[in-house]
N, C-alpha and C. Protein backbone atom coordinates (compact mmCIF):
# COMPACT_ATOMS: atom_id res chain seq x y z
N MET A 1 18.14 11.57 -1.03
CA MET A 1 18.86 9.99 -2.05
C MET A 1 19.19 8.70 -1.44
N THR A 2 18.61 7.15 -1.93
CA THR A 2 18.38 6.20 -0.96
C THR A 2 19.36 5.39 -2.00
N LYS A 3 20.69 4.85 -1.59
CA LYS A 3 21.12 3.78 -2.55
C LYS A 3 21.07 2.56 -2.22
N ILE A 4 20.62 1.64 -3.39
CA ILE A 4 20.15 0.44 -3.53
C ILE A 4 20.97 -0.35 -3.61
N LEU A 5 20.96 -1.50 -3.13
CA LEU A 5 21.32 -2.57 -3.61
C LEU A 5 20.76 -3.89 -3.82
N LEU A 6 20.44 -4.61 -5.13
CA LEU A 6 19.36 -5.53 -5.74
C LEU A 6 20.08 -6.57 -5.82
N LEU A 7 19.54 -8.01 -4.83
CA LEU A 7 20.58 -9.02 -5.22
C LEU A 7 19.13 -10.40 -5.24
N SER A 8 19.70 -11.14 -5.84
CA SER A 8 18.61 -12.66 -5.40
C SER A 8 19.51 -13.92 -5.88
N ASP A 9 18.56 -14.67 -5.68
CA ASP A 9 19.34 -16.13 -5.41
C ASP A 9 20.67 -16.62 -5.21
N THR A 10 20.69 -16.14 -4.10
CA THR A 10 21.83 -16.25 -3.30
C THR A 10 22.11 -17.75 -2.86
N HIS A 11 20.88 -18.46 -2.78
CA HIS A 11 21.02 -19.82 -2.63
C HIS A 11 22.27 -20.65 -1.25
N GLY A 12 21.98 -19.55 -0.55
CA GLY A 12 23.06 -20.09 0.70
C GLY A 12 24.16 -19.51 0.74
N TYR A 13 24.36 -18.60 -0.53
CA TYR A 13 25.95 -18.63 -0.86
C TYR A 13 25.96 -16.91 -0.36
N ILE A 14 27.28 -16.57 0.34
CA ILE A 14 27.51 -14.98 0.81
C ILE A 14 28.83 -14.93 0.84
N ASP A 15 29.46 -14.21 0.52
CA ASP A 15 30.93 -14.04 1.12
C ASP A 15 31.27 -12.33 0.73
N ASP A 16 32.93 -12.08 1.15
CA ASP A 16 33.12 -10.77 1.33
C ASP A 16 32.70 -9.51 -0.01
N ALA A 17 33.07 -10.45 -0.87
CA ALA A 17 32.70 -9.32 -2.36
C ALA A 17 31.24 -9.09 -2.25
N ILE A 18 30.26 -9.85 -1.59
CA ILE A 18 29.05 -9.25 -1.92
C ILE A 18 28.86 -8.31 -0.36
N LEU A 19 29.63 -8.67 0.58
CA LEU A 19 28.94 -7.79 1.71
C LEU A 19 30.17 -6.33 1.62
N LYS A 20 30.87 -6.35 0.59
CA LYS A 20 31.48 -5.39 0.72
C LYS A 20 30.32 -4.25 -0.35
N HIS A 21 29.67 -4.92 -1.05
CA HIS A 21 28.73 -3.69 -1.84
C HIS A 21 27.55 -3.48 -1.21
N VAL A 22 27.50 -4.52 0.18
CA VAL A 22 26.16 -4.63 0.74
C VAL A 22 26.37 -2.84 1.87
N LYS A 23 27.91 -2.82 2.29
CA LYS A 23 28.20 -1.65 3.50
C LYS A 23 28.05 -0.42 2.03
N GLN A 24 28.27 -0.52 1.02
CA GLN A 24 27.89 1.06 0.42
C GLN A 24 26.72 1.29 -0.33
N ALA A 25 25.63 0.46 0.28
CA ALA A 25 24.17 0.78 -0.15
C ALA A 25 23.57 1.15 1.15
N ASP A 26 22.40 1.80 1.23
CA ASP A 26 21.61 2.36 1.91
C ASP A 26 20.79 1.53 2.64
N GLU A 27 20.06 0.37 1.64
CA GLU A 27 19.63 -0.89 1.85
C GLU A 27 19.69 -1.55 0.78
N VAL A 28 19.29 -2.72 0.92
CA VAL A 28 19.25 -3.88 0.25
C VAL A 28 18.07 -4.80 0.11
N TRP A 29 17.93 -5.18 -1.23
CA TRP A 29 16.71 -5.98 -1.20
C TRP A 29 17.14 -6.87 -2.02
N HIS A 30 16.52 -8.24 -1.28
CA HIS A 30 16.75 -9.63 -1.93
C HIS A 30 15.26 -10.20 -2.50
N ALA A 31 15.53 -10.64 -3.75
CA ALA A 31 13.94 -11.01 -4.22
C ALA A 31 14.14 -12.41 -4.55
N GLY A 32 14.38 -13.09 -3.44
CA GLY A 32 14.06 -14.49 -2.83
C GLY A 32 15.11 -15.43 -3.57
N ASP A 33 15.10 -17.17 -2.84
CA ASP A 33 15.65 -18.07 -3.22
C ASP A 33 17.33 -17.45 -2.48
N ILE A 34 16.51 -17.36 -0.95
CA ILE A 34 17.62 -16.71 0.19
C ILE A 34 18.68 -17.95 0.00
N GLY A 35 18.10 -19.21 0.24
CA GLY A 35 18.90 -20.60 0.80
C GLY A 35 18.81 -20.90 2.07
N ASP A 36 19.66 -19.86 2.80
CA ASP A 36 19.75 -19.91 4.14
C ASP A 36 19.53 -18.67 5.06
N LEU A 37 19.22 -18.62 5.78
CA LEU A 37 18.98 -17.64 6.37
C LEU A 37 20.18 -16.78 6.85
N ARG A 38 21.64 -17.64 6.99
CA ARG A 38 22.47 -16.77 7.38
C ARG A 38 22.81 -15.68 6.02
N VAL A 39 22.37 -16.06 5.24
CA VAL A 39 22.95 -14.86 4.28
C VAL A 39 21.98 -13.72 4.60
N THR A 40 20.85 -13.96 4.69
CA THR A 40 19.91 -12.47 5.27
C THR A 40 20.38 -11.79 6.66
N ASP A 41 20.98 -12.76 7.56
CA ASP A 41 21.22 -12.48 9.21
C ASP A 41 22.40 -11.67 8.36
N SER A 42 23.20 -12.00 7.31
CA SER A 42 24.60 -11.15 7.36
C SER A 42 24.48 -9.74 6.97
N ILE A 43 23.34 -9.88 5.81
CA ILE A 43 22.87 -8.52 5.30
C ILE A 43 22.51 -7.69 6.51
N LYS A 44 21.09 -8.08 7.25
CA LYS A 44 20.39 -7.20 7.62
C LYS A 44 21.59 -6.40 9.45
N LYS A 45 23.01 -7.44 9.63
CA LYS A 45 23.91 -6.78 10.08
C LYS A 45 24.37 -5.98 9.52
N LEU A 46 24.75 -5.24 8.85
CA LEU A 46 25.26 -4.04 8.65
C LEU A 46 24.11 -3.28 7.51
N LYS A 47 23.29 -3.56 7.38
CA LYS A 47 21.73 -2.27 6.13
C LYS A 47 20.57 -3.39 6.78
N PRO A 48 19.73 -1.97 6.43
CA PRO A 48 18.47 -2.37 6.45
C PRO A 48 18.28 -3.53 5.35
N LEU A 49 17.17 -4.27 5.57
CA LEU A 49 16.88 -5.34 4.10
C LEU A 49 15.50 -5.70 4.32
N ARG A 50 15.22 -5.42 2.82
CA ARG A 50 13.77 -5.78 2.27
C ARG A 50 14.08 -6.85 1.57
N ALA A 51 13.50 -8.23 2.22
CA ALA A 51 13.35 -9.16 1.24
C ALA A 51 11.90 -10.19 0.82
N VAL A 52 11.66 -11.14 0.41
CA VAL A 52 10.91 -12.26 -0.36
C VAL A 52 11.57 -13.52 -0.18
N TYR A 53 10.68 -14.57 0.50
CA TYR A 53 10.92 -15.63 0.26
C TYR A 53 10.92 -16.33 -1.58
N GLY A 54 11.71 -17.25 -1.60
CA GLY A 54 11.78 -17.75 -3.01
C GLY A 54 11.38 -19.13 -3.10
N ASN A 55 10.85 -19.80 -4.67
CA ASN A 55 10.57 -21.23 -4.03
C ASN A 55 11.25 -22.24 -4.00
N ILE A 56 12.66 -22.26 -3.28
CA ILE A 56 13.31 -23.14 -2.72
C ILE A 56 13.85 -22.93 -1.36
N ASP A 57 13.10 -21.58 -0.79
CA ASP A 57 13.40 -21.51 0.78
C ASP A 57 12.31 -22.35 1.70
N ASP A 58 12.73 -22.47 2.56
CA ASP A 58 12.23 -23.38 3.81
C ASP A 58 11.01 -22.71 4.73
N ALA A 59 10.59 -23.33 5.07
CA ALA A 59 9.78 -22.84 6.22
C ALA A 59 10.30 -21.64 7.41
N LYS A 60 11.38 -21.62 7.69
CA LYS A 60 12.03 -20.68 8.43
C LYS A 60 12.06 -19.27 7.56
N ALA A 61 12.61 -19.24 6.55
CA ALA A 61 12.62 -18.12 5.68
C ALA A 61 11.12 -17.52 5.15
N ARG A 62 9.95 -18.54 5.00
CA ARG A 62 8.65 -17.93 4.56
C ARG A 62 8.15 -17.42 6.13
N VAL A 63 8.64 -18.04 7.10
CA VAL A 63 8.23 -17.64 8.29
C VAL A 63 8.42 -15.84 8.29
N GLU A 64 9.87 -16.23 7.82
CA GLU A 64 10.54 -14.63 7.97
C GLU A 64 10.31 -13.51 6.85
N PHE A 65 10.22 -14.15 5.91
CA PHE A 65 9.92 -13.30 5.21
C PHE A 65 8.40 -13.20 4.03
N PRO A 66 8.10 -12.43 3.17
CA PRO A 66 6.83 -12.63 2.91
C PRO A 66 6.79 -13.19 1.12
N GLU A 67 5.94 -13.69 0.43
CA GLU A 67 6.01 -13.91 -0.62
C GLU A 67 5.99 -12.85 -1.60
N HIS A 68 5.27 -11.38 -1.43
CA HIS A 68 5.71 -10.60 -1.73
C HIS A 68 5.40 -9.29 -0.75
N ASN A 69 6.40 -8.55 -1.40
CA ASN A 69 6.68 -7.28 -0.62
C ASN A 69 6.56 -5.85 -0.88
N ARG A 70 5.53 -5.23 -0.59
CA ARG A 70 5.17 -4.03 -1.72
C ARG A 70 5.44 -2.60 -0.44
N PHE A 71 6.21 -1.82 -0.73
CA PHE A 71 6.73 -0.91 0.04
C PHE A 71 7.05 0.58 -1.01
N PHE A 72 7.17 1.78 -0.37
CA PHE A 72 7.62 2.56 -0.82
C PHE A 72 8.99 3.14 -0.30
N CYS A 73 9.81 3.45 -1.05
CA CYS A 73 11.28 3.73 -1.23
C CYS A 73 11.06 5.22 -1.75
N GLU A 74 11.49 6.42 -0.37
CA GLU A 74 11.15 7.25 -0.99
C GLU A 74 9.94 8.03 -1.81
N GLY A 75 10.22 8.47 -2.62
CA GLY A 75 8.18 8.69 -3.57
C GLY A 75 7.93 7.14 -4.62
N VAL A 76 8.90 6.26 -4.55
CA VAL A 76 8.58 5.41 -5.25
C VAL A 76 8.26 4.14 -4.71
N ASP A 77 6.83 3.52 -5.43
CA ASP A 77 5.97 2.62 -5.04
C ASP A 77 6.94 1.02 -5.88
N VAL A 78 7.45 0.30 -5.13
CA VAL A 78 8.32 -0.97 -5.12
C VAL A 78 7.05 -1.92 -5.00
N TRP A 79 7.45 -2.98 -5.72
CA TRP A 79 7.13 -4.48 -5.19
C TRP A 79 7.88 -5.82 -5.58
N ILE A 80 8.21 -6.46 -4.52
CA ILE A 80 9.59 -7.04 -4.75
C ILE A 80 8.44 -8.72 -4.73
N THR A 81 8.96 -9.54 -5.49
CA THR A 81 8.07 -10.91 -5.32
C THR A 81 9.55 -12.12 -6.09
N HIS A 82 9.09 -13.07 -5.95
CA HIS A 82 10.45 -14.09 -6.61
C HIS A 82 9.81 -14.52 -7.92
N ILE A 83 8.62 -14.91 -8.10
CA ILE A 83 8.37 -15.51 -9.51
C ILE A 83 7.35 -14.18 -10.12
N GLY A 84 7.59 -13.62 -11.28
CA GLY A 84 7.01 -12.54 -11.41
C GLY A 84 6.75 -12.41 -13.20
N GLY A 85 7.45 -12.88 -13.83
CA GLY A 85 7.16 -12.88 -15.37
C GLY A 85 7.83 -11.55 -15.66
N TYR A 86 7.76 -11.65 -17.46
CA TYR A 86 8.70 -10.18 -17.52
C TYR A 86 6.94 -9.91 -18.09
N PRO A 87 7.32 -8.68 -18.59
CA PRO A 87 6.43 -7.67 -19.58
C PRO A 87 6.68 -8.43 -20.90
N PRO A 88 5.47 -8.29 -21.74
CA PRO A 88 4.09 -8.09 -21.32
C PRO A 88 3.43 -9.38 -20.40
N LYS A 89 4.72 -10.17 -20.50
CA LYS A 89 3.80 -11.95 -20.23
C LYS A 89 4.21 -12.40 -18.38
N TYR A 90 3.56 -11.17 -17.68
CA TYR A 90 3.42 -11.96 -16.14
C TYR A 90 3.10 -12.84 -15.79
N ASN A 91 2.99 -13.63 -14.82
CA ASN A 91 2.52 -14.54 -14.53
C ASN A 91 1.30 -14.47 -13.85
N SER A 92 0.60 -15.94 -13.71
CA SER A 92 -0.67 -15.41 -13.23
C SER A 92 -1.02 -14.88 -11.96
N ARG A 93 0.13 -15.03 -11.14
CA ARG A 93 -0.31 -14.30 -9.55
C ARG A 93 0.01 -12.83 -9.73
N THR A 94 1.12 -12.64 -10.78
CA THR A 94 1.16 -11.35 -10.35
C THR A 94 0.18 -10.15 -11.19
N ARG A 95 -0.06 -10.65 -12.76
CA ARG A 95 -0.86 -10.09 -13.96
C ARG A 95 -1.80 -9.11 -13.79
N ASN A 96 -2.70 -9.65 -12.64
CA ASN A 96 -4.07 -9.00 -12.03
C ASN A 96 -3.71 -7.71 -11.33
N LEU A 97 -3.00 -8.22 -10.42
CA LEU A 97 -2.49 -7.03 -9.59
C LEU A 97 -1.79 -5.74 -10.08
N ILE A 98 -0.95 -6.30 -10.86
CA ILE A 98 -0.28 -4.84 -11.60
C ILE A 98 -0.93 -4.27 -12.92
N LYS A 99 -2.14 -4.96 -13.32
CA LYS A 99 -3.36 -4.20 -14.09
C LYS A 99 -4.04 -3.32 -13.14
N GLY A 100 -4.34 -4.23 -12.22
CA GLY A 100 -5.31 -2.82 -10.99
C GLY A 100 -4.67 -1.77 -10.48
N ASN A 101 -3.24 -2.17 -10.04
CA ASN A 101 -2.19 -1.33 -9.29
C ASN A 101 -0.68 -1.27 -9.45
N PRO A 102 -0.67 -0.96 -10.65
CA PRO A 102 0.82 -1.23 -10.87
C PRO A 102 1.49 -0.09 -9.83
N PRO A 103 3.05 -0.96 -9.74
CA PRO A 103 4.32 0.01 -8.73
C PRO A 103 4.70 0.38 -9.96
N ARG A 104 5.93 1.43 -9.11
CA ARG A 104 6.80 1.70 -10.31
C ARG A 104 8.14 1.20 -10.60
N ILE A 105 8.28 0.33 -9.82
CA ILE A 105 9.50 -0.79 -9.56
C ILE A 105 9.31 -1.81 -9.57
N PHE A 106 8.90 -2.70 -10.31
CA PHE A 106 8.59 -4.47 -9.93
C PHE A 106 9.85 -5.40 -10.17
N VAL A 107 10.35 -5.57 -9.10
CA VAL A 107 11.39 -6.70 -8.81
C VAL A 107 10.82 -8.30 -9.04
N CYS A 108 11.84 -8.85 -9.04
CA CYS A 108 11.81 -10.45 -9.64
C CYS A 108 12.89 -10.87 -9.42
N GLY A 109 12.83 -12.39 -8.97
CA GLY A 109 14.32 -13.21 -9.08
C GLY A 109 13.70 -14.03 -10.23
N HIS A 110 13.85 -15.25 -9.63
CA HIS A 110 14.01 -16.95 -9.97
C HIS A 110 14.43 -17.32 -11.60
N SER A 111 15.03 -16.41 -12.04
CA SER A 111 15.42 -16.73 -13.72
C SER A 111 16.94 -16.83 -14.17
N HIS A 112 17.66 -16.45 -12.82
CA HIS A 112 19.12 -16.25 -13.26
C HIS A 112 19.42 -15.30 -14.61
N ILE A 113 18.24 -14.72 -14.57
CA ILE A 113 19.13 -13.84 -15.90
C ILE A 113 18.72 -12.13 -15.62
N LEU A 114 19.94 -11.69 -15.25
CA LEU A 114 19.49 -10.26 -15.71
C LEU A 114 18.82 -9.87 -16.32
N LYS A 115 17.99 -8.65 -16.12
CA LYS A 115 17.15 -8.44 -17.11
C LYS A 115 16.46 -6.93 -16.75
N VAL A 116 16.85 -5.67 -16.76
CA VAL A 116 15.98 -4.48 -16.67
C VAL A 116 15.87 -3.74 -17.80
N MET A 117 13.67 -3.67 -17.98
CA MET A 117 13.39 -3.15 -18.60
C MET A 117 11.87 -2.53 -18.53
N PRO A 118 11.56 -1.41 -19.35
CA PRO A 118 10.43 -0.88 -19.12
C PRO A 118 9.13 -1.85 -19.47
N ASP A 119 8.21 -1.02 -18.54
CA ASP A 119 6.93 -1.52 -19.20
C ASP A 119 5.86 -0.80 -19.77
N LYS A 120 5.75 0.01 -20.22
CA LYS A 120 5.61 1.44 -21.24
C LYS A 120 3.79 1.33 -21.14
N ARG A 121 3.31 -0.30 -21.03
CA ARG A 121 1.77 -0.28 -20.97
C ARG A 121 1.51 0.41 -19.26
N TYR A 122 2.30 0.12 -18.40
CA TYR A 122 1.96 0.47 -17.08
C TYR A 122 2.96 1.13 -16.55
N ASN A 123 3.85 1.87 -17.11
CA ASN A 123 4.69 2.83 -16.90
C ASN A 123 5.34 2.36 -15.46
N LEU A 124 5.99 0.79 -15.62
CA LEU A 124 7.07 0.56 -14.26
C LEU A 124 7.93 0.06 -14.89
N LEU A 125 9.04 -0.13 -14.27
CA LEU A 125 10.34 -0.57 -14.73
C LEU A 125 10.49 -2.09 -14.00
N HIS A 126 10.65 -2.93 -14.74
CA HIS A 126 10.99 -4.25 -14.00
C HIS A 126 12.54 -4.76 -13.88
N MET A 127 12.94 -5.12 -13.26
CA MET A 127 13.92 -5.30 -12.73
C MET A 127 14.42 -6.88 -12.34
N ASN A 128 15.13 -7.87 -12.74
CA ASN A 128 15.91 -8.68 -12.35
C ASN A 128 17.27 -9.03 -12.15
N PRO A 129 17.83 -8.83 -11.09
CA PRO A 129 19.37 -8.86 -10.60
C PRO A 129 20.15 -10.13 -11.08
N GLY A 130 19.23 -10.82 -11.98
CA GLY A 130 20.19 -12.03 -12.09
C GLY A 130 20.45 -12.83 -10.41
N ALA A 131 21.37 -13.69 -10.95
CA ALA A 131 21.58 -14.47 -9.55
C ALA A 131 22.96 -14.25 -8.82
N VAL A 132 23.34 -14.12 -7.42
CA VAL A 132 24.55 -13.60 -7.10
C VAL A 132 25.15 -15.07 -6.29
N GLY A 133 24.31 -16.29 -6.10
CA GLY A 133 24.60 -17.15 -5.83
C GLY A 133 25.75 -18.02 -6.45
N LYS A 134 26.20 -19.38 -6.23
CA LYS A 134 26.83 -20.13 -7.20
C LYS A 134 26.04 -21.23 -7.31
N HIS A 135 24.52 -21.61 -7.42
CA HIS A 135 24.64 -22.74 -7.48
C HIS A 135 23.15 -21.94 -9.05
N GLY A 136 23.32 -22.85 -9.79
CA GLY A 136 22.06 -22.51 -11.38
C GLY A 136 23.05 -22.86 -12.41
N PHE A 137 22.36 -22.51 -13.55
CA PHE A 137 22.69 -22.57 -14.60
C PHE A 137 23.67 -20.91 -15.08
N HIS A 138 23.53 -20.37 -14.51
CA HIS A 138 23.93 -18.93 -15.06
C HIS A 138 25.42 -19.01 -14.85
N LYS A 139 26.59 -18.17 -15.90
CA LYS A 139 27.81 -18.10 -15.69
C LYS A 139 28.42 -17.39 -14.86
N THR A 140 28.11 -16.00 -15.23
CA THR A 140 28.67 -14.81 -14.20
C THR A 140 27.50 -14.23 -13.13
N ARG A 141 28.07 -14.31 -12.33
CA ARG A 141 27.00 -13.95 -10.80
C ARG A 141 26.76 -12.42 -11.12
N THR A 142 25.46 -11.89 -10.97
CA THR A 142 25.16 -10.18 -11.16
C THR A 142 24.38 -9.79 -9.89
N MET A 143 24.42 -8.55 -9.54
CA MET A 143 23.45 -7.82 -8.75
C MET A 143 23.13 -6.53 -9.17
N LEU A 144 22.44 -5.79 -9.04
CA LEU A 144 22.30 -4.43 -9.44
C LEU A 144 22.30 -3.37 -8.33
N ARG A 145 22.90 -2.44 -8.65
CA ARG A 145 22.90 -1.12 -7.65
C ARG A 145 22.44 0.50 -8.47
N PHE A 146 21.67 0.94 -7.75
CA PHE A 146 20.81 2.53 -8.53
C PHE A 146 20.55 3.27 -7.26
N THR A 147 20.04 4.20 -7.39
CA THR A 147 19.39 5.15 -6.48
C THR A 147 18.07 5.66 -6.99
N ILE A 148 17.45 5.86 -5.69
CA ILE A 148 15.91 6.82 -5.78
C ILE A 148 16.43 8.01 -5.11
N ASP A 149 16.09 8.85 -5.98
CA ASP A 149 15.76 10.24 -4.82
C ASP A 149 14.34 10.69 -5.50
N GLY A 150 13.80 10.77 -4.20
CA GLY A 150 12.47 11.57 -4.47
C GLY A 150 11.60 10.33 -5.44
N LYS A 151 11.36 10.48 -6.30
CA LYS A 151 10.64 9.87 -7.42
C LYS A 151 11.28 9.09 -8.51
N VAL A 152 12.58 9.80 -8.41
CA VAL A 152 13.95 9.51 -9.91
C VAL A 152 14.34 8.44 -9.36
N ILE A 153 14.48 7.38 -10.33
CA ILE A 153 15.60 6.17 -10.37
C ILE A 153 16.63 6.46 -11.18
N ASP A 154 17.72 6.52 -10.68
CA ASP A 154 19.11 6.78 -11.60
C ASP A 154 19.88 6.02 -11.26
N ASN A 155 20.92 6.02 -11.95
CA ASN A 155 22.33 5.78 -11.65
C ASN A 155 22.42 4.22 -11.81
N LEU A 156 21.79 3.29 -12.44
CA LEU A 156 21.48 2.03 -12.45
C LEU A 156 22.98 1.25 -13.01
N GLU A 157 23.75 0.40 -12.10
CA GLU A 157 24.75 -0.17 -12.23
C GLU A 157 24.87 -1.52 -12.31
N ILE A 158 25.17 -2.36 -13.14
CA ILE A 158 25.39 -4.00 -13.20
C ILE A 158 26.58 -4.05 -12.71
N ILE A 159 26.56 -4.78 -11.49
CA ILE A 159 27.67 -5.67 -10.46
C ILE A 159 28.24 -7.19 -11.02
N GLU A 160 29.01 -7.44 -11.71
CA GLU A 160 29.40 -8.37 -12.24
C GLU A 160 30.60 -9.31 -11.34
N PHE A 161 30.40 -10.61 -10.96
CA PHE A 161 31.65 -11.25 -10.22
C PHE A 161 32.21 -12.45 -11.21
N PRO A 162 33.37 -13.01 -10.91
CA PRO A 162 33.90 -13.66 -12.30
C PRO A 162 33.22 -14.94 -12.19
N LYS A 163 33.20 -15.45 -13.06
CA LYS A 163 32.58 -17.34 -13.26
C LYS A 163 32.63 -17.49 -12.02
N ARG A 164 31.00 -18.31 -11.84
CA ARG A 164 30.97 -19.50 -10.40
C ARG A 164 31.69 -20.63 -10.56
N TYR A 165 32.87 -20.99 -11.28
CA TYR A 165 32.98 -22.05 -11.25
C TYR A 165 34.36 -22.04 -10.66
């Protein structure tokens, strides 16, 4: 069983409350808009990290992280990208790839809106952890925590932090 912490849109912000949850995970996945590589460096000191760059990320982040990160976690095919759209309206950069070879979990960030929803057409689980940084229109900072055990995705939890102001 692998314990996953999923976050996005840190926009350069990391604190002890986030790092407390990092320490409890086996892996951390970051769905872009890192903002400052100090964020990912702090995470990597504690746990393995899988990440992508987002639209606000600079050239350094784009050298270190890909736009798309597709991998297997245990028996689950995972695809992380920053801007991906939602079922059934995926954006033009992801739509045909999902149709041709759908992952089991499709993760994106960007919207700052926490959303987890199944896409029955492609038999995938769409996940957006919202935003855990302090920059943006969101009022509540959020992350997701869940487990993968073989091919089973389970124990999904929302982690909320107080209002960002």
